[in-house]
């Protein structure tokens, strides 16, 4: 993936995130933006299974309603060996899943959160991607962790 493709992808990701957040609104309408518990868990499970099976992030096949995942570490080439969904929590317009990832490359185990939002499509964001796009000025950088530096220098 070239820098231009990565920049274009991140720009599209930021715009879609902005539109999704704008559509969420305020008050009780926020809860209406959440997928059902079953849809959210199924979409996340299918997304993580796709990663484990070597597929690319983005739209997830086999989901109704349609679902899409945004995970920078996956996009940059980290490989998933296995995963375990540890639990879920709802907070206003956010549904979060705690997940234990066992990575094949770079080797290691980490616990992360995935945010699941929207009804059609269902959007799944890794915690660092969600934070980066919600708080664009102060979100976590892409440097550090994984093979990010190695991949960028190619």
N, C-alpha and C. Protein backbone atom coordinates (compact mmCIF):
# COMPACT_ATOMS: atom_id res chain seq x y z
N UNK A 1 0.85 -1.17 0.00
CA UNK A 1 0.00 0.00 0.00
C UNK A 1 0.89 1.23 0.00
N UNK A 2 0.68 2.14 -0.94
CA UNK A 2 1.48 3.35 -1.04
C UNK A 2 1.02 4.38 -0.01
N UNK A 3 1.86 5.38 0.19
CA UNK A 3 1.49 6.45 1.12
C UNK A 3 0.25 7.19 0.62
N UNK A 4 0.17 7.34 -0.68
CA UNK A 4 -1.00 8.02 -1.26
C UNK A 4 -2.27 7.24 -0.98
N UNK A 5 -2.21 5.91 -1.16
CA UNK A 5 -3.38 5.06 -0.87
C UNK A 5 -3.73 5.13 0.61
N UNK A 6 -2.70 5.12 1.48
CA UNK A 6 -2.94 5.17 2.92
C UNK A 6 -3.57 6.51 3.29
N UNK A 7 -3.05 7.61 2.71
CA UNK A 7 -3.61 8.94 2.99
C UNK A 7 -5.05 9.03 2.52
N UNK A 8 -5.32 8.51 1.33
CA UNK A 8 -6.68 8.53 0.80
C UNK A 8 -7.60 7.70 1.70
N UNK A 9 -7.13 6.54 2.12
CA UNK A 9 -7.93 5.69 2.99
C UNK A 9 -8.22 6.35 4.33
N UNK A 10 -7.20 6.99 4.91
CA UNK A 10 -7.41 7.67 6.19
C UNK A 10 -8.35 8.85 6.04
N UNK A 11 -8.27 9.56 4.91
CA UNK A 11 -9.18 10.69 4.69
C UNK A 11 -10.62 10.19 4.57
N UNK A 12 -10.82 9.12 3.82
CA UNK A 12 -12.17 8.56 3.68
C UNK A 12 -12.67 8.06 5.03
N UNK A 13 -11.78 7.47 5.82
CA UNK A 13 -12.13 6.97 7.14
C UNK A 13 -12.57 8.12 8.03
N UNK A 14 -11.82 9.24 7.99
CA UNK A 14 -12.16 10.40 8.82
C UNK A 14 -13.50 11.00 8.42
N UNK A 15 -13.74 11.10 7.12
CA UNK A 15 -15.02 11.66 6.65
C UNK A 15 -16.17 10.75 7.06
N UNK A 16 -16.01 9.42 6.87
CA UNK A 16 -17.10 8.51 7.24
C UNK A 16 -17.34 8.54 8.75
N UNK A 17 -16.28 8.67 9.52
CA UNK A 17 -16.44 8.76 10.98
C UNK A 17 -17.19 10.03 11.35
N UNK A 18 -16.83 11.15 10.73
CA UNK A 18 -17.51 12.41 11.01
C UNK A 18 -18.99 12.30 10.68
N UNK A 19 -19.30 11.74 9.52
CA UNK A 19 -20.70 11.60 9.12
C UNK A 19 -21.46 10.68 10.07
N UNK A 20 -20.82 9.62 10.51
CA UNK A 20 -21.46 8.70 11.44
C UNK A 20 -21.73 9.39 12.78
N UNK A 21 -20.73 10.12 13.28
CA UNK A 21 -20.91 10.81 14.56
C UNK A 21 -21.98 11.90 14.43
N UNK A 22 -22.00 12.60 13.31
CA UNK A 22 -23.02 13.63 13.10
C UNK A 22 -24.41 13.02 13.05
N UNK A 23 -24.52 11.83 12.47
CA UNK A 23 -25.82 11.17 12.36
C UNK A 23 -26.31 10.65 13.70
N UNK A 24 -25.38 10.41 14.62
CA UNK A 24 -25.75 9.86 15.92
C UNK A 24 -26.62 10.83 16.70
N UNK A 25 -26.30 12.14 16.66
CA UNK A 25 -27.13 13.14 17.33
C UNK A 25 -26.97 13.13 18.83
N UNK A 26 -28.00 13.61 19.52
CA UNK A 26 -27.95 13.75 20.96
C UNK A 26 -29.12 13.05 21.62
N UNK A 27 -29.06 12.97 22.93
CA UNK A 27 -30.17 12.44 23.73
C UNK A 27 -30.48 11.00 23.44
N UNK A 28 -31.77 10.65 23.48
CA UNK A 28 -32.21 9.27 23.28
C UNK A 28 -31.92 8.76 21.88
N UNK A 29 -31.75 9.67 20.92
CA UNK A 29 -31.46 9.26 19.56
C UNK A 29 -30.15 8.50 19.48
N UNK A 30 -29.23 8.72 20.42
CA UNK A 30 -27.94 8.04 20.40
C UNK A 30 -28.11 6.53 20.51
N UNK A 31 -29.00 6.07 21.35
CA UNK A 31 -29.20 4.63 21.51
C UNK A 31 -29.73 3.99 20.24
N UNK A 32 -30.48 4.79 19.46
CA UNK A 32 -31.00 4.28 18.20
C UNK A 32 -29.89 4.05 17.19
N UNK A 33 -28.71 4.65 17.39
CA UNK A 33 -27.59 4.48 16.47
C UNK A 33 -26.79 3.22 16.76
N UNK A 34 -27.10 2.54 17.86
CA UNK A 34 -26.38 1.32 18.19
C UNK A 34 -27.01 0.12 17.48
N UNK A 35 -26.17 -0.80 17.02
CA UNK A 35 -26.73 -2.04 16.48
C UNK A 35 -27.25 -2.88 17.64
N UNK A 36 -28.04 -3.88 17.33
CA UNK A 36 -28.48 -4.80 18.38
C UNK A 36 -27.26 -5.51 18.94
N UNK A 37 -27.38 -6.01 20.16
CA UNK A 37 -26.26 -6.73 20.78
C UNK A 37 -25.79 -7.88 19.88
N UNK A 38 -26.75 -8.61 19.33
CA UNK A 38 -26.42 -9.76 18.48
C UNK A 38 -25.73 -9.32 17.19
N UNK A 39 -26.23 -8.26 16.54
CA UNK A 39 -25.61 -7.77 15.30
C UNK A 39 -24.19 -7.28 15.56
N UNK A 40 -24.00 -6.57 16.66
CA UNK A 40 -22.68 -6.03 16.99
C UNK A 40 -21.68 -7.15 17.24
N UNK A 41 -22.05 -8.12 18.06
CA UNK A 41 -21.14 -9.22 18.38
C UNK A 41 -20.84 -10.06 17.14
N UNK A 42 -21.87 -10.33 16.33
CA UNK A 42 -21.67 -11.13 15.12
C UNK A 42 -20.74 -10.42 14.15
N UNK A 43 -20.95 -9.11 13.96
CA UNK A 43 -20.10 -8.34 13.05
C UNK A 43 -18.65 -8.35 13.52
N UNK A 44 -18.43 -8.13 14.82
CA UNK A 44 -17.07 -8.13 15.36
C UNK A 44 -16.44 -9.51 15.21
N UNK A 45 -17.18 -10.55 15.53
CA UNK A 45 -16.67 -11.92 15.41
C UNK A 45 -16.28 -12.23 13.96
N UNK A 46 -17.12 -11.87 13.02
CA UNK A 46 -16.81 -12.12 11.60
C UNK A 46 -15.60 -11.30 11.15
N UNK A 47 -15.49 -10.06 11.63
CA UNK A 47 -14.34 -9.23 11.27
C UNK A 47 -13.04 -9.83 11.79
N UNK A 48 -13.03 -10.22 13.06
CA UNK A 48 -11.81 -10.78 13.64
C UNK A 48 -11.47 -12.15 13.02
N UNK A 49 -12.48 -12.91 12.67
CA UNK A 49 -12.25 -14.19 11.97
C UNK A 49 -11.62 -13.93 10.61
N UNK A 50 -12.07 -12.87 9.93
CA UNK A 50 -11.50 -12.52 8.63
C UNK A 50 -10.03 -12.16 8.78
N UNK A 51 -9.70 -11.39 9.81
CA UNK A 51 -8.31 -11.01 10.06
C UNK A 51 -7.48 -12.27 10.31
N UNK A 52 -7.96 -13.12 11.18
CA UNK A 52 -7.25 -14.36 11.51
C UNK A 52 -7.01 -15.21 10.25
N UNK A 53 -7.99 -15.16 9.33
CA UNK A 53 -7.91 -15.97 8.11
C UNK A 53 -7.12 -15.30 6.99
N UNK A 54 -6.51 -14.13 7.29
CA UNK A 54 -5.64 -13.48 6.33
C UNK A 54 -6.31 -12.53 5.36
N UNK A 55 -7.56 -12.18 5.61
CA UNK A 55 -8.25 -11.24 4.72
C UNK A 55 -7.91 -9.81 5.09
N UNK A 56 -8.33 -8.86 4.23
CA UNK A 56 -8.04 -7.44 4.44
C UNK A 56 -9.16 -6.77 5.23
N UNK A 57 -8.84 -5.69 5.97
CA UNK A 57 -9.89 -4.95 6.68
C UNK A 57 -10.75 -4.18 5.70
N UNK A 58 -11.91 -3.74 6.16
CA UNK A 58 -12.85 -3.00 5.34
C UNK A 58 -14.21 -3.64 5.44
N UNK A 59 -14.96 -3.69 4.33
CA UNK A 59 -16.28 -4.33 4.37
C UNK A 59 -16.16 -5.82 4.72
N UNK A 60 -17.09 -6.29 5.53
CA UNK A 60 -17.06 -7.68 5.99
C UNK A 60 -18.13 -8.45 5.24
N UNK A 61 -17.74 -9.52 4.58
CA UNK A 61 -18.72 -10.31 3.85
C UNK A 61 -19.53 -11.18 4.80
N UNK A 62 -20.77 -11.41 4.45
CA UNK A 62 -21.62 -12.30 5.22
C UNK A 62 -22.34 -11.67 6.39
N UNK A 63 -22.38 -10.34 6.44
CA UNK A 63 -23.07 -9.68 7.56
C UNK A 63 -24.36 -9.03 7.09
N UNK A 64 -25.38 -9.17 7.90
CA UNK A 64 -26.65 -8.48 7.67
C UNK A 64 -27.05 -7.86 9.00
N UNK A 65 -27.10 -6.55 9.09
CA UNK A 65 -26.84 -5.54 8.08
C UNK A 65 -25.36 -5.49 7.71
N UNK A 66 -25.02 -4.77 6.63
CA UNK A 66 -23.62 -4.67 6.21
C UNK A 66 -22.76 -4.12 7.34
N UNK A 67 -21.51 -4.57 7.40
CA UNK A 67 -20.58 -4.11 8.43
C UNK A 67 -19.22 -3.83 7.81
N UNK A 68 -18.47 -2.96 8.49
CA UNK A 68 -17.14 -2.58 8.02
C UNK A 68 -16.25 -2.35 9.22
N UNK A 69 -14.99 -2.80 9.13
CA UNK A 69 -14.05 -2.61 10.24
C UNK A 69 -12.90 -1.71 9.81
N UNK A 70 -12.47 -0.87 10.76
CA UNK A 70 -11.33 0.02 10.58
C UNK A 70 -10.33 -0.29 11.69
N UNK A 71 -9.19 -0.86 11.31
CA UNK A 71 -8.16 -1.23 12.27
C UNK A 71 -6.81 -0.97 11.61
N UNK A 72 -6.15 0.10 12.04
CA UNK A 72 -4.88 0.50 11.43
C UNK A 72 -3.82 -0.57 11.56
N UNK A 73 -3.73 -1.21 12.70
CA UNK A 73 -2.69 -2.24 12.90
C UNK A 73 -2.88 -3.39 11.91
N UNK A 74 -4.12 -3.77 11.69
CA UNK A 74 -4.43 -4.80 10.70
C UNK A 74 -4.05 -4.29 9.31
N UNK A 75 -4.42 -3.05 9.01
CA UNK A 75 -4.11 -2.46 7.70
C UNK A 75 -2.62 -2.39 7.44
N UNK A 76 -1.84 -2.19 8.49
CA UNK A 76 -0.39 -2.07 8.35
C UNK A 76 0.32 -3.43 8.29
N UNK A 77 -0.44 -4.52 8.41
CA UNK A 77 0.16 -5.83 8.21
C UNK A 77 0.31 -6.71 9.44
N UNK A 78 -0.12 -6.25 10.62
CA UNK A 78 -0.07 -7.16 11.77
C UNK A 78 -0.92 -8.38 11.45
N UNK A 79 -0.46 -9.55 11.88
CA UNK A 79 -1.19 -10.78 11.59
C UNK A 79 -1.75 -11.36 12.89
N UNK A 80 -3.01 -11.76 12.83
CA UNK A 80 -3.71 -12.29 14.00
C UNK A 80 -3.68 -13.81 13.99
N UNK A 81 -3.27 -14.40 15.11
CA UNK A 81 -3.28 -15.86 15.25
C UNK A 81 -4.61 -16.32 15.85
N UNK A 82 -5.07 -15.61 16.89
CA UNK A 82 -6.35 -15.96 17.53
C UNK A 82 -6.87 -14.76 18.31
N UNK A 83 -8.12 -14.87 18.74
CA UNK A 83 -8.73 -13.78 19.49
C UNK A 83 -9.78 -14.37 20.44
N UNK A 84 -10.11 -13.58 21.45
CA UNK A 84 -11.18 -13.96 22.38
C UNK A 84 -11.94 -12.69 22.75
N UNK A 85 -13.25 -12.69 22.52
CA UNK A 85 -14.09 -11.56 22.95
C UNK A 85 -14.37 -11.78 24.43
N UNK A 86 -13.86 -10.86 25.26
CA UNK A 86 -13.92 -11.02 26.72
C UNK A 86 -15.20 -10.47 27.34
N UNK A 87 -15.78 -9.47 26.74
CA UNK A 87 -16.98 -8.87 27.31
C UNK A 87 -17.39 -7.65 26.52
N UNK A 88 -18.53 -7.09 26.91
CA UNK A 88 -19.03 -5.91 26.23
C UNK A 88 -19.62 -4.94 27.24
N UNK A 89 -19.69 -3.69 26.82
CA UNK A 89 -20.30 -2.66 27.66
C UNK A 89 -20.94 -1.60 26.76
N UNK A 90 -22.01 -1.00 27.24
CA UNK A 90 -22.69 0.08 26.51
C UNK A 90 -22.56 1.34 27.35
N UNK A 91 -22.33 2.44 26.65
CA UNK A 91 -22.22 3.73 27.32
C UNK A 91 -22.76 4.78 26.36
N UNK A 92 -24.01 5.17 26.53
CA UNK A 92 -24.61 6.16 25.64
C UNK A 92 -24.70 5.63 24.23
N UNK A 93 -24.00 6.30 23.31
CA UNK A 93 -24.04 5.91 21.90
C UNK A 93 -22.88 5.01 21.53
N UNK A 94 -22.20 4.45 22.51
CA UNK A 94 -21.05 3.59 22.24
C UNK A 94 -21.30 2.18 22.77
N UNK A 95 -20.95 1.21 21.97
CA UNK A 95 -20.92 -0.17 22.41
C UNK A 95 -19.47 -0.62 22.27
N UNK A 96 -18.87 -1.07 23.37
CA UNK A 96 -17.46 -1.46 23.36
C UNK A 96 -17.33 -2.93 23.68
N UNK A 97 -16.40 -3.58 23.00
CA UNK A 97 -16.08 -4.98 23.28
C UNK A 97 -14.62 -5.05 23.69
N UNK A 98 -14.37 -5.73 24.79
CA UNK A 98 -13.00 -6.01 25.22
C UNK A 98 -12.57 -7.30 24.54
N UNK A 99 -11.41 -7.25 23.88
CA UNK A 99 -10.95 -8.39 23.10
C UNK A 99 -9.48 -8.66 23.41
N UNK A 100 -9.15 -9.93 23.56
CA UNK A 100 -7.75 -10.36 23.70
C UNK A 100 -7.29 -10.85 22.33
N UNK A 101 -6.26 -10.19 21.82
CA UNK A 101 -5.69 -10.55 20.52
C UNK A 101 -4.37 -11.27 20.74
N UNK A 102 -4.19 -12.39 20.09
CA UNK A 102 -2.90 -13.08 20.07
C UNK A 102 -2.35 -12.91 18.67
N UNK A 103 -1.30 -12.11 18.55
CA UNK A 103 -0.74 -11.78 17.26
C UNK A 103 0.36 -12.76 16.87
N UNK A 104 0.38 -13.11 15.58
CA UNK A 104 1.45 -13.95 15.04
C UNK A 104 2.63 -13.06 14.64
N UNK A 105 2.32 -11.83 14.14
CA UNK A 105 3.36 -10.89 13.79
C UNK A 105 2.85 -9.49 13.99
N UNK A 106 3.46 -8.68 14.83
CA UNK A 106 4.53 -9.08 15.73
C UNK A 106 3.98 -9.98 16.83
N UNK A 107 4.75 -10.94 17.24
CA UNK A 107 4.29 -11.92 18.22
C UNK A 107 3.96 -11.21 19.54
N UNK A 108 2.84 -11.60 20.12
CA UNK A 108 2.45 -11.02 21.40
C UNK A 108 0.95 -11.13 21.64
N UNK A 109 0.59 -10.81 22.88
CA UNK A 109 -0.82 -10.82 23.28
C UNK A 109 -1.14 -9.42 23.78
N UNK A 110 -2.30 -8.92 23.38
CA UNK A 110 -2.73 -7.60 23.84
C UNK A 110 -4.23 -7.59 24.02
N UNK A 111 -4.66 -6.77 24.97
CA UNK A 111 -6.09 -6.57 25.17
C UNK A 111 -6.45 -5.19 24.66
N UNK A 112 -7.44 -5.15 23.79
CA UNK A 112 -7.88 -3.90 23.17
C UNK A 112 -9.39 -3.80 23.25
N UNK A 113 -9.89 -2.62 22.93
CA UNK A 113 -11.34 -2.42 22.85
C UNK A 113 -11.69 -2.16 21.39
N UNK A 114 -12.85 -2.65 21.00
CA UNK A 114 -13.41 -2.34 19.70
C UNK A 114 -14.74 -1.64 19.94
N UNK A 115 -14.93 -0.51 19.26
CA UNK A 115 -16.18 0.24 19.33
C UNK A 115 -17.05 -0.19 18.15
N UNK A 116 -18.31 -0.48 18.42
CA UNK A 116 -19.24 -0.88 17.37
C UNK A 116 -20.40 0.12 17.37
N UNK A 117 -20.60 0.78 16.23
CA UNK A 117 -21.59 1.86 16.10
C UNK A 117 -22.42 1.67 14.85
N UNK A 118 -23.58 2.29 14.82
CA UNK A 118 -24.40 2.33 13.61
C UNK A 118 -25.24 1.09 13.41
N UNK A 119 -26.22 1.23 12.56
CA UNK A 119 -27.13 0.12 12.28
C UNK A 119 -27.02 -0.37 10.85
N UNK A 120 -26.81 0.52 9.90
CA UNK A 120 -26.73 0.11 8.51
C UNK A 120 -25.94 1.16 7.74
N UNK A 121 -24.64 1.02 7.70
CA UNK A 121 -23.85 -0.14 8.08
C UNK A 121 -23.45 -0.11 9.56
N UNK A 122 -23.03 -1.26 10.06
CA UNK A 122 -22.43 -1.37 11.38
C UNK A 122 -20.95 -1.07 11.19
N UNK A 123 -20.43 -0.11 11.97
CA UNK A 123 -19.03 0.30 11.84
C UNK A 123 -18.27 -0.16 13.08
N UNK A 124 -17.12 -0.78 12.86
CA UNK A 124 -16.29 -1.30 13.94
C UNK A 124 -14.95 -0.57 13.90
N UNK A 125 -14.54 -0.03 15.05
CA UNK A 125 -13.29 0.72 15.15
C UNK A 125 -12.45 0.16 16.29
N UNK A 126 -11.19 -0.08 16.04
CA UNK A 126 -10.26 -0.40 17.13
C UNK A 126 -10.12 0.85 17.99
N UNK A 127 -9.88 0.70 19.28
CA UNK A 127 -9.87 1.83 20.21
C UNK A 127 -8.97 2.97 19.76
N UNK A 128 -7.77 2.69 19.30
CA UNK A 128 -6.86 3.77 18.92
C UNK A 128 -7.36 4.50 17.67
N UNK A 129 -8.01 3.80 16.76
CA UNK A 129 -8.57 4.42 15.57
C UNK A 129 -9.78 5.29 15.93
N UNK A 130 -10.60 4.79 16.83
CA UNK A 130 -11.76 5.54 17.29
C UNK A 130 -11.31 6.84 17.96
N UNK A 131 -10.33 6.74 18.85
CA UNK A 131 -9.82 7.93 19.55
C UNK A 131 -9.19 8.91 18.58
N UNK A 132 -8.45 8.42 17.62
CA UNK A 132 -7.78 9.29 16.65
C UNK A 132 -8.80 10.07 15.84
N UNK A 133 -9.91 9.46 15.50
CA UNK A 133 -10.89 10.13 14.66
C UNK A 133 -11.89 10.98 15.42
N UNK A 134 -12.19 10.62 16.65
CA UNK A 134 -13.09 11.43 17.46
C UNK A 134 -12.37 12.67 17.95
N UNK A 135 -11.10 12.55 18.30
CA UNK A 135 -10.32 13.65 18.85
C UNK A 135 -9.13 13.86 17.92
N UNK A 136 -9.39 14.33 16.72
CA UNK A 136 -8.37 14.38 15.67
C UNK A 136 -7.11 15.15 16.06
N UNK A 137 -7.24 16.19 16.86
CA UNK A 137 -6.06 16.96 17.23
C UNK A 137 -5.16 16.22 18.21
N UNK A 138 -5.76 15.43 19.10
CA UNK A 138 -4.98 14.82 20.17
C UNK A 138 -5.04 13.30 20.17
N UNK A 139 -5.48 12.69 19.09
CA UNK A 139 -5.57 11.23 19.04
C UNK A 139 -4.19 10.60 19.04
N UNK A 140 -4.12 9.31 19.38
CA UNK A 140 -2.83 8.64 19.40
C UNK A 140 -2.22 8.59 18.02
N UNK A 141 -0.90 8.64 17.95
CA UNK A 141 -0.22 8.61 16.66
C UNK A 141 -0.09 7.17 16.18
N UNK A 142 0.29 7.03 14.94
CA UNK A 142 0.49 5.70 14.37
C UNK A 142 1.87 5.16 14.69
N UNK A 143 2.76 6.00 15.24
CA UNK A 143 4.11 5.54 15.55
C UNK A 143 4.12 4.66 16.78
N UNK A 144 5.06 3.76 16.81
CA UNK A 144 5.21 2.87 17.95
C UNK A 144 4.24 1.72 17.86
N UNK A 145 4.60 0.61 18.43
CA UNK A 145 3.73 -0.57 18.42
C UNK A 145 3.73 -1.23 17.06
N UNK A 146 3.60 -2.51 17.06
CA UNK A 146 3.54 -3.26 15.81
C UNK A 146 4.78 -3.05 14.97
N UNK A 147 4.64 -3.20 13.69
CA UNK A 147 5.74 -3.02 12.76
C UNK A 147 5.59 -1.72 11.99
N UNK A 148 4.94 -0.72 12.57
CA UNK A 148 4.61 0.50 11.87
C UNK A 148 5.86 1.17 11.28
N UNK A 149 6.92 1.29 12.03
CA UNK A 149 8.11 1.98 11.52
C UNK A 149 8.74 1.19 10.38
N UNK A 150 8.84 -0.08 10.54
CA UNK A 150 9.43 -0.91 9.50
C UNK A 150 8.63 -0.80 8.21
N UNK A 151 7.31 -0.86 8.33
CA UNK A 151 6.46 -0.83 7.15
C UNK A 151 6.53 0.53 6.45
N UNK A 152 6.63 1.61 7.20
CA UNK A 152 6.66 2.93 6.59
C UNK A 152 7.96 3.18 5.84
N UNK A 153 9.04 2.57 6.25
CA UNK A 153 10.33 2.84 5.64
C UNK A 153 10.51 2.12 4.31
N UNK A 154 9.58 1.28 3.94
CA UNK A 154 9.72 0.53 2.68
C UNK A 154 9.48 1.41 1.49
